[in-house]
Amino acid sequence: VPMRKAPGVGLAAPQIGVPLRLFVYDMHDGTEGCVANPELTVLDDTPLTAEEGCLSLPGHHYPLARAAAVEEDDPAYFARCLQHETDHLDGTIYVDLLPRRLRAKALRTGPLLDRA
């Protein structure tokens, strides 16, 4: 699986050319699963900023604020994964969410493998 070689935490179907609203995840604590047709509900919109990376822009990490919780009893890191992978299903990559100057820097620094 490409996400394990990268190493990554999640991989959305559109990232590998599969037109489904589906993603898989494998958290660092061993929690893994598959999510189909996600509909996230923000339970805590307190923004938590952390470094985020993506298999679509390998080797680069940038700070990005995300909602603290989107599912019942989810740790913040898992909430970030759910939001990141759902963004892929909606045609957005995390670089699109960065402030303009940081986004421009990110797009200059390396190849964007896939927008999905």
N, C-alpha and C. Protein backbone atom coordinates (compact mmCIF):
# COMPACT_ATOMS: atom_id res chain seq x y z
N VAL A 1 0.85 -1.18 0.00
CA VAL A 1 0.00 0.00 0.00
C VAL A 1 0.89 1.24 0.00
N PRO A 2 0.68 2.17 -0.93
CA PRO A 2 1.52 3.37 -1.00
C PRO A 2 1.59 4.17 0.29
N MET A 3 0.49 4.23 1.05
CA MET A 3 0.51 5.05 2.26
C MET A 3 1.46 4.49 3.30
N ARG A 4 1.69 3.19 3.32
CA ARG A 4 2.62 2.60 4.29
C ARG A 4 4.06 2.81 3.88
N LYS A 5 4.33 2.87 2.59
CA LYS A 5 5.69 3.08 2.12
C LYS A 5 6.11 4.53 2.27
N ALA A 6 5.17 5.46 2.30
CA ALA A 6 5.48 6.90 2.28
C ALA A 6 6.17 7.43 3.52
N PRO A 7 5.88 7.19 4.76
CA PRO A 7 4.71 6.54 5.29
C PRO A 7 3.55 7.52 5.42
N GLY A 8 2.37 7.05 5.18
CA GLY A 8 1.18 7.89 5.30
C GLY A 8 0.23 7.28 6.30
N VAL A 9 -0.82 8.00 6.59
CA VAL A 9 -1.83 7.54 7.53
C VAL A 9 -3.10 7.14 6.80
N GLY A 10 -3.41 7.83 5.70
CA GLY A 10 -4.63 7.54 4.97
C GLY A 10 -4.41 7.63 3.48
N LEU A 11 -5.33 7.01 2.75
CA LEU A 11 -5.27 7.05 1.30
C LEU A 11 -6.70 7.04 0.77
N ALA A 12 -7.04 8.06 0.00
CA ALA A 12 -8.37 8.17 -0.58
C ALA A 12 -8.40 7.51 -1.95
N ALA A 13 -9.51 6.88 -2.27
CA ALA A 13 -9.65 6.19 -3.56
C ALA A 13 -9.29 7.08 -4.75
N PRO A 14 -9.73 8.35 -4.79
CA PRO A 14 -9.37 9.19 -5.93
C PRO A 14 -7.86 9.40 -6.10
N GLN A 15 -7.10 9.27 -5.03
CA GLN A 15 -5.64 9.43 -5.13
C GLN A 15 -5.00 8.34 -5.98
N ILE A 16 -5.67 7.21 -6.10
CA ILE A 16 -5.12 6.13 -6.93
C ILE A 16 -6.02 5.87 -8.14
N GLY A 17 -6.80 6.88 -8.51
CA GLY A 17 -7.59 6.81 -9.73
C GLY A 17 -8.88 6.04 -9.64
N VAL A 18 -9.35 5.77 -8.43
CA VAL A 18 -10.60 5.04 -8.25
C VAL A 18 -11.69 6.06 -7.90
N PRO A 19 -12.73 6.18 -8.74
CA PRO A 19 -13.75 7.21 -8.54
C PRO A 19 -14.82 6.83 -7.51
N LEU A 20 -14.39 6.58 -6.28
CA LEU A 20 -15.31 6.26 -5.19
C LEU A 20 -15.09 7.21 -4.03
N ARG A 21 -16.15 7.46 -3.25
CA ARG A 21 -16.02 8.26 -2.02
C ARG A 21 -15.65 7.29 -0.90
N LEU A 22 -14.38 6.92 -0.88
CA LEU A 22 -13.90 5.89 0.02
C LEU A 22 -12.45 6.19 0.37
N PHE A 23 -12.09 5.96 1.64
CA PHE A 23 -10.68 6.03 2.01
C PHE A 23 -10.37 5.00 3.07
N VAL A 24 -9.10 4.65 3.14
CA VAL A 24 -8.61 3.74 4.17
C VAL A 24 -7.66 4.53 5.06
N TYR A 25 -7.52 4.08 6.29
CA TYR A 25 -6.58 4.72 7.21
C TYR A 25 -5.90 3.66 8.05
N ASP A 26 -4.70 3.99 8.47
CA ASP A 26 -3.90 3.12 9.34
C ASP A 26 -3.13 4.06 10.27
N MET A 27 -3.70 4.29 11.44
CA MET A 27 -3.12 5.23 12.39
C MET A 27 -1.86 4.63 13.02
N HIS A 28 -1.03 5.50 13.54
CA HIS A 28 0.23 5.05 14.14
C HIS A 28 0.04 4.16 15.36
N ASP A 29 -1.15 4.21 15.96
CA ASP A 29 -1.42 3.36 17.13
C ASP A 29 -1.97 1.99 16.73
N GLY A 30 -2.03 1.72 15.42
CA GLY A 30 -2.53 0.43 14.94
C GLY A 30 -4.00 0.43 14.57
N THR A 31 -4.73 1.50 14.89
CA THR A 31 -6.13 1.59 14.50
C THR A 31 -6.20 1.74 12.99
N GLU A 32 -6.99 0.89 12.36
CA GLU A 32 -7.12 0.98 10.91
C GLU A 32 -8.56 0.76 10.51
N GLY A 33 -8.89 1.19 9.32
CA GLY A 33 -10.25 1.01 8.86
C GLY A 33 -10.47 1.60 7.49
N CYS A 34 -11.72 1.56 7.11
CA CYS A 34 -12.15 2.06 5.81
C CYS A 34 -13.40 2.89 6.03
N VAL A 35 -13.50 4.02 5.35
CA VAL A 35 -14.67 4.89 5.48
C VAL A 35 -15.24 5.11 4.09
N ALA A 36 -16.54 4.86 3.94
CA ALA A 36 -17.23 5.08 2.67
C ALA A 36 -18.28 6.17 2.85
N ASN A 37 -18.35 7.05 1.88
CA ASN A 37 -19.34 8.13 1.86
C ASN A 37 -19.41 8.90 3.18
N PRO A 38 -18.28 9.43 3.65
CA PRO A 38 -18.27 10.12 4.94
C PRO A 38 -19.10 11.40 4.93
N GLU A 39 -19.76 11.63 6.04
CA GLU A 39 -20.45 12.89 6.31
C GLU A 39 -20.00 13.31 7.69
N LEU A 40 -19.03 14.19 7.75
CA LEU A 40 -18.45 14.59 9.02
C LEU A 40 -19.28 15.66 9.69
N THR A 41 -19.47 15.52 10.98
CA THR A 41 -20.14 16.51 11.79
C THR A 41 -19.11 17.07 12.76
N VAL A 42 -18.89 18.36 12.69
CA VAL A 42 -17.91 18.99 13.58
C VAL A 42 -18.51 19.07 14.98
N LEU A 43 -17.86 18.44 15.94
CA LEU A 43 -18.32 18.45 17.32
C LEU A 43 -17.59 19.49 18.15
N ASP A 44 -16.38 19.83 17.74
CA ASP A 44 -15.59 20.85 18.42
C ASP A 44 -14.82 21.60 17.35
N ASP A 45 -15.26 22.82 17.06
CA ASP A 45 -14.62 23.57 15.97
C ASP A 45 -13.42 24.39 16.44
N THR A 46 -12.96 24.12 17.65
CA THR A 46 -11.74 24.76 18.11
C THR A 46 -10.62 24.41 17.13
N PRO A 47 -9.98 25.41 16.53
CA PRO A 47 -8.94 25.07 15.57
C PRO A 47 -7.67 24.57 16.25
N LEU A 48 -7.21 23.43 15.81
CA LEU A 48 -5.94 22.89 16.27
C LEU A 48 -4.98 22.91 15.09
N THR A 49 -3.87 23.60 15.25
CA THR A 49 -2.89 23.70 14.17
C THR A 49 -1.79 22.67 14.39
N ALA A 50 -1.49 21.93 13.35
CA ALA A 50 -0.43 20.93 13.39
C ALA A 50 0.16 20.79 12.00
N GLU A 51 1.37 20.25 11.94
CA GLU A 51 2.00 19.99 10.65
C GLU A 51 1.20 18.90 9.94
N GLU A 52 0.94 19.12 8.67
CA GLU A 52 0.20 18.14 7.89
C GLU A 52 0.94 17.88 6.60
N GLY A 53 0.91 16.65 6.15
CA GLY A 53 1.53 16.27 4.89
C GLY A 53 0.54 15.49 4.07
N CYS A 54 0.96 15.13 2.86
CA CYS A 54 0.05 14.43 1.96
C CYS A 54 0.85 13.62 0.96
N LEU A 55 0.34 12.45 0.62
CA LEU A 55 0.99 11.63 -0.38
C LEU A 55 0.96 12.30 -1.75
N SER A 56 0.07 13.28 -1.94
CA SER A 56 0.01 14.02 -3.21
C SER A 56 1.12 15.05 -3.34
N LEU A 57 1.75 15.41 -2.24
CA LEU A 57 2.88 16.35 -2.24
C LEU A 57 3.94 15.75 -1.30
N PRO A 58 4.59 14.69 -1.74
CA PRO A 58 5.49 13.94 -0.85
C PRO A 58 6.65 14.76 -0.32
N GLY A 59 6.95 14.49 0.96
CA GLY A 59 8.12 15.11 1.58
C GLY A 59 7.91 16.50 2.12
N HIS A 60 6.73 17.04 2.01
CA HIS A 60 6.47 18.40 2.47
C HIS A 60 5.39 18.39 3.55
N HIS A 61 5.59 19.21 4.57
CA HIS A 61 4.63 19.34 5.67
C HIS A 61 4.46 20.81 5.98
N TYR A 62 3.22 21.21 6.19
CA TYR A 62 2.92 22.62 6.48
C TYR A 62 1.89 22.68 7.61
N PRO A 63 1.93 23.75 8.41
CA PRO A 63 0.95 23.88 9.49
C PRO A 63 -0.43 24.19 8.93
N LEU A 64 -1.43 23.50 9.46
CA LEU A 64 -2.81 23.70 9.01
C LEU A 64 -3.74 23.55 10.19
N ALA A 65 -4.67 24.47 10.35
CA ALA A 65 -5.67 24.40 11.41
C ALA A 65 -6.84 23.53 10.95
N ARG A 66 -7.26 22.64 11.81
CA ARG A 66 -8.41 21.76 11.55
C ARG A 66 -9.28 21.76 12.80
N ALA A 67 -10.55 21.36 12.65
CA ALA A 67 -11.45 21.23 13.79
C ALA A 67 -10.90 20.18 14.75
N ALA A 68 -11.07 20.42 16.03
CA ALA A 68 -10.52 19.53 17.06
C ALA A 68 -11.20 18.17 17.08
N ALA A 69 -12.51 18.11 16.81
CA ALA A 69 -13.23 16.83 16.85
C ALA A 69 -14.34 16.83 15.81
N VAL A 70 -14.45 15.70 15.11
CA VAL A 70 -15.51 15.57 14.11
C VAL A 70 -16.37 14.33 14.33
N GLU A 71 -15.97 13.46 15.21
CA GLU A 71 -16.74 12.27 15.53
C GLU A 71 -16.67 12.07 17.04
N GLU A 72 -17.62 11.36 17.58
CA GLU A 72 -17.67 11.12 19.02
C GLU A 72 -16.40 10.43 19.50
N ASP A 73 -15.79 10.97 20.54
CA ASP A 73 -14.63 10.36 21.19
C ASP A 73 -13.42 10.11 20.28
N ASP A 74 -13.27 10.92 19.25
CA ASP A 74 -12.08 10.72 18.41
C ASP A 74 -10.95 11.59 18.90
N PRO A 75 -9.74 11.03 18.93
CA PRO A 75 -8.58 11.86 19.27
C PRO A 75 -8.34 12.88 18.15
N ALA A 76 -7.72 13.98 18.49
CA ALA A 76 -7.51 15.06 17.53
C ALA A 76 -6.76 14.60 16.28
N TYR A 77 -5.80 13.69 16.44
CA TYR A 77 -5.03 13.24 15.28
C TYR A 77 -5.92 12.46 14.31
N PHE A 78 -6.83 11.65 14.85
CA PHE A 78 -7.76 10.92 14.00
C PHE A 78 -8.75 11.88 13.34
N ALA A 79 -9.18 12.90 14.07
CA ALA A 79 -10.07 13.92 13.50
C ALA A 79 -9.40 14.58 12.30
N ARG A 80 -8.12 14.86 12.44
CA ARG A 80 -7.35 15.47 11.34
C ARG A 80 -7.33 14.53 10.13
N CYS A 81 -7.10 13.25 10.37
CA CYS A 81 -7.08 12.26 9.29
C CYS A 81 -8.43 12.22 8.58
N LEU A 82 -9.51 12.14 9.35
CA LEU A 82 -10.85 12.09 8.75
C LEU A 82 -11.11 13.32 7.88
N GLN A 83 -10.74 14.50 8.38
CA GLN A 83 -10.96 15.72 7.61
C GLN A 83 -10.09 15.75 6.35
N HIS A 84 -8.83 15.36 6.49
CA HIS A 84 -7.89 15.38 5.37
C HIS A 84 -8.36 14.45 4.25
N GLU A 85 -8.72 13.23 4.60
CA GLU A 85 -9.13 12.26 3.58
C GLU A 85 -10.48 12.62 2.98
N THR A 86 -11.40 13.15 3.78
CA THR A 86 -12.68 13.60 3.23
C THR A 86 -12.47 14.75 2.26
N ASP A 87 -11.51 15.62 2.56
CA ASP A 87 -11.18 16.69 1.61
C ASP A 87 -10.80 16.11 0.25
N HIS A 88 -10.00 15.04 0.25
CA HIS A 88 -9.62 14.40 -1.03
C HIS A 88 -10.87 13.98 -1.80
N LEU A 89 -11.84 13.42 -1.09
CA LEU A 89 -13.06 12.95 -1.75
C LEU A 89 -13.86 14.11 -2.33
N ASP A 90 -13.65 15.30 -1.76
CA ASP A 90 -14.34 16.51 -2.25
C ASP A 90 -13.49 17.27 -3.26
N GLY A 91 -12.35 16.69 -3.67
CA GLY A 91 -11.50 17.33 -4.67
C GLY A 91 -10.57 18.40 -4.13
N THR A 92 -10.33 18.39 -2.83
CA THR A 92 -9.48 19.39 -2.18
C THR A 92 -8.27 18.69 -1.58
N ILE A 93 -7.10 19.31 -1.71
CA ILE A 93 -5.94 18.82 -0.98
C ILE A 93 -5.58 19.85 0.07
N TYR A 94 -4.85 19.43 1.08
CA TYR A 94 -4.59 20.32 2.21
C TYR A 94 -3.88 21.59 1.79
N VAL A 95 -3.09 21.54 0.74
CA VAL A 95 -2.39 22.73 0.26
C VAL A 95 -3.39 23.82 -0.14
N ASP A 96 -4.56 23.41 -0.66
CA ASP A 96 -5.59 24.37 -1.04
C ASP A 96 -6.10 25.17 0.16
N LEU A 97 -5.95 24.63 1.35
CA LEU A 97 -6.48 25.26 2.57
C LEU A 97 -5.46 26.14 3.28
N LEU A 98 -4.23 26.13 2.80
CA LEU A 98 -3.18 26.94 3.42
C LEU A 98 -3.37 28.41 3.08
N PRO A 99 -2.83 29.31 3.92
CA PRO A 99 -2.82 30.73 3.56
C PRO A 99 -2.11 30.91 2.22
N ARG A 100 -2.50 31.93 1.49
CA ARG A 100 -2.04 32.15 0.11
C ARG A 100 -0.53 32.05 -0.08
N ARG A 101 0.23 32.72 0.75
CA ARG A 101 1.69 32.73 0.59
C ARG A 101 2.30 31.34 0.84
N LEU A 102 1.79 30.67 1.85
CA LEU A 102 2.29 29.33 2.15
C LEU A 102 1.88 28.34 1.06
N ARG A 103 0.66 28.51 0.54
CA ARG A 103 0.20 27.66 -0.56
C ARG A 103 1.10 27.83 -1.78
N ALA A 104 1.44 29.08 -2.11
CA ALA A 104 2.32 29.34 -3.25
C ALA A 104 3.68 28.69 -3.05
N LYS A 105 4.20 28.78 -1.83
CA LYS A 105 5.49 28.15 -1.51
C LYS A 105 5.39 26.63 -1.69
N ALA A 106 4.33 26.05 -1.17
CA ALA A 106 4.15 24.60 -1.25
C ALA A 106 4.10 24.14 -2.70
N LEU A 107 3.39 24.86 -3.52
CA LEU A 107 3.25 24.45 -4.92
C LEU A 107 4.53 24.65 -5.72
N ARG A 108 5.41 25.54 -5.24
CA ARG A 108 6.71 25.75 -5.90
C ARG A 108 7.74 24.71 -5.50
N THR A 109 7.57 24.10 -4.33
CA THR A 109 8.63 23.27 -3.76
C THR A 109 8.67 21.84 -4.27
N GLY A 110 7.62 21.35 -4.84
CA GLY A 110 7.68 19.97 -5.27
C GLY A 110 6.55 19.60 -6.19
N PRO A 111 6.66 18.45 -6.80
CA PRO A 111 5.62 18.02 -7.74
C PRO A 111 4.34 17.63 -7.01
N LEU A 112 3.24 18.05 -7.54
CA LEU A 112 1.94 17.67 -7.02
C LEU A 112 1.53 16.43 -7.79
N LEU A 113 1.47 15.29 -7.12
CA LEU A 113 1.25 14.03 -7.82
C LEU A 113 -0.18 13.87 -8.30
N ASP A 114 -1.14 14.35 -7.53
CA ASP A 114 -2.54 14.21 -7.91
C ASP A 114 -3.35 15.20 -7.10
N ARG A 115 -4.27 15.89 -7.74
CA ARG A 115 -5.08 16.87 -7.02
C ARG A 115 -6.16 16.19 -6.20
N ALA A 116 -6.54 14.99 -6.51
CA ALA A 116 -7.64 14.33 -5.79
C ALA A 116 -7.15 13.74 -4.48
